[in-house]
């Protein structure tokens, strides 16, 4: 499994998951600073959750065809 697995939208899925984790961390950090920031923490978590979910839903694992350009299929004449 290499970079070829993350061509185009697959990388967006991975980054979407990372965005969700950042949102969880940010919300946890704001709650750690003070319980008075709970509204901001919930809002930040929801924003990052929606953004990450949109990135995950739009991305798709695709692989480019491993065929050279201009390839001619084998044809047998009978």
Protein backbone atom coordinates (compact mmCIF):
# COMPACT_ATOMS: atom_id res chain seq x y z
CA UNK A 1 0.00 0.00 0.00
CA UNK A 2 1.67 3.19 -1.15
CA UNK A 3 0.85 6.59 -2.49
CA UNK A 4 -1.04 4.95 -5.37
CA UNK A 5 -3.77 3.95 -2.92
CA UNK A 6 -4.44 7.59 -2.11
CA UNK A 7 -4.79 8.94 -5.64
CA UNK A 8 -7.28 11.82 -5.86
CA UNK A 9 -10.14 11.39 -3.38
CA UNK A 10 -8.53 8.80 -1.14
CA UNK A 11 -6.19 11.41 0.25
CA UNK A 12 -9.21 13.61 0.96
CA UNK A 13 -10.70 10.82 3.10
CA UNK A 14 -7.53 10.59 5.15
CA UNK A 15 -7.37 14.36 5.62
CA UNK A 16 -11.06 14.41 6.58
CA UNK A 17 -10.37 11.94 9.36
CA UNK A 18 -7.46 14.10 10.48
CA UNK A 19 -9.72 17.18 10.55
CA UNK A 20 -12.19 15.36 12.80
CA UNK A 21 -9.38 14.38 15.17
CA UNK A 22 -8.17 17.99 15.27
CA UNK A 23 -11.73 19.09 16.16
CA UNK A 24 -11.89 16.59 19.01
CA UNK A 25 -8.51 17.73 20.29
CA UNK A 26 -9.42 21.41 20.07
CA UNK A 27 -12.69 20.88 21.91
CA UNK A 28 -10.94 18.86 24.60
CA UNK A 29 -8.27 21.53 24.98
CA UNK A 30 -10.86 24.30 25.34
CA UNK A 31 -12.69 22.29 28.00
CA UNK A 32 -9.37 21.65 29.74
CA UNK A 33 -8.65 25.40 29.86
CA UNK A 34 -11.97 26.26 31.43
CA UNK A 35 -15.43 24.78 31.72
CA UNK A 36 -16.76 28.21 30.77
CA UNK A 37 -15.63 27.62 27.19
CA UNK A 38 -18.02 24.72 26.66
CA UNK A 39 -20.15 26.63 24.10
CA UNK A 40 -17.09 27.51 22.02
CA UNK A 41 -15.80 23.95 22.39
CA UNK A 42 -19.06 22.43 21.15
CA UNK A 43 -19.23 24.89 18.25
CA UNK A 44 -15.62 24.19 17.22
CA UNK A 45 -16.21 20.44 17.46
CA UNK A 46 -19.33 20.64 15.30
CA UNK A 47 -17.60 22.80 12.67
CA UNK A 48 -14.66 20.41 12.40
CA UNK A 49 -16.98 17.40 12.44
CA UNK A 50 -19.09 18.72 9.55
CA UNK A 51 -16.01 19.74 7.57
CA UNK A 52 -14.36 16.35 8.08
CA UNK A 53 -17.56 14.48 7.22
CA UNK A 54 -17.90 16.46 3.99
CA UNK A 55 -14.30 15.65 3.06
CA UNK A 56 -14.81 11.97 3.80
CA UNK A 57 -18.07 11.74 1.86
CA UNK A 58 -16.68 13.46 -1.24
CA UNK A 59 -13.46 11.48 -1.36
CA UNK A 60 -13.29 8.02 -2.84
CA UNK A 61 -10.54 5.51 -3.22
CA UNK A 62 -9.75 5.33 -6.90
CA UNK A 63 -6.89 3.78 -8.76
CA UNK A 64 -5.75 4.82 -12.15
CA UNK A 65 -5.65 2.14 -14.78
CA UNK A 66 -2.29 0.52 -15.14
CA UNK A 67 -2.31 0.55 -18.93
CA UNK A 68 -0.09 2.61 -21.19
CA UNK A 69 -1.66 5.32 -23.31
CA UNK A 70 -2.50 4.28 -26.83
CA UNK A 71 -2.47 0.57 -26.07
CA UNK A 72 -3.89 -1.55 -28.84
CA UNK A 73 -5.83 -4.61 -27.77
CA UNK A 74 -4.78 -7.91 -29.24
CA UNK A 75 -7.04 -8.90 -32.14
CA UNK A 76 -6.92 -12.25 -33.84
CA UNK A 77 -8.09 -12.50 -37.44
CA UNK A 78 -9.81 -15.73 -38.52
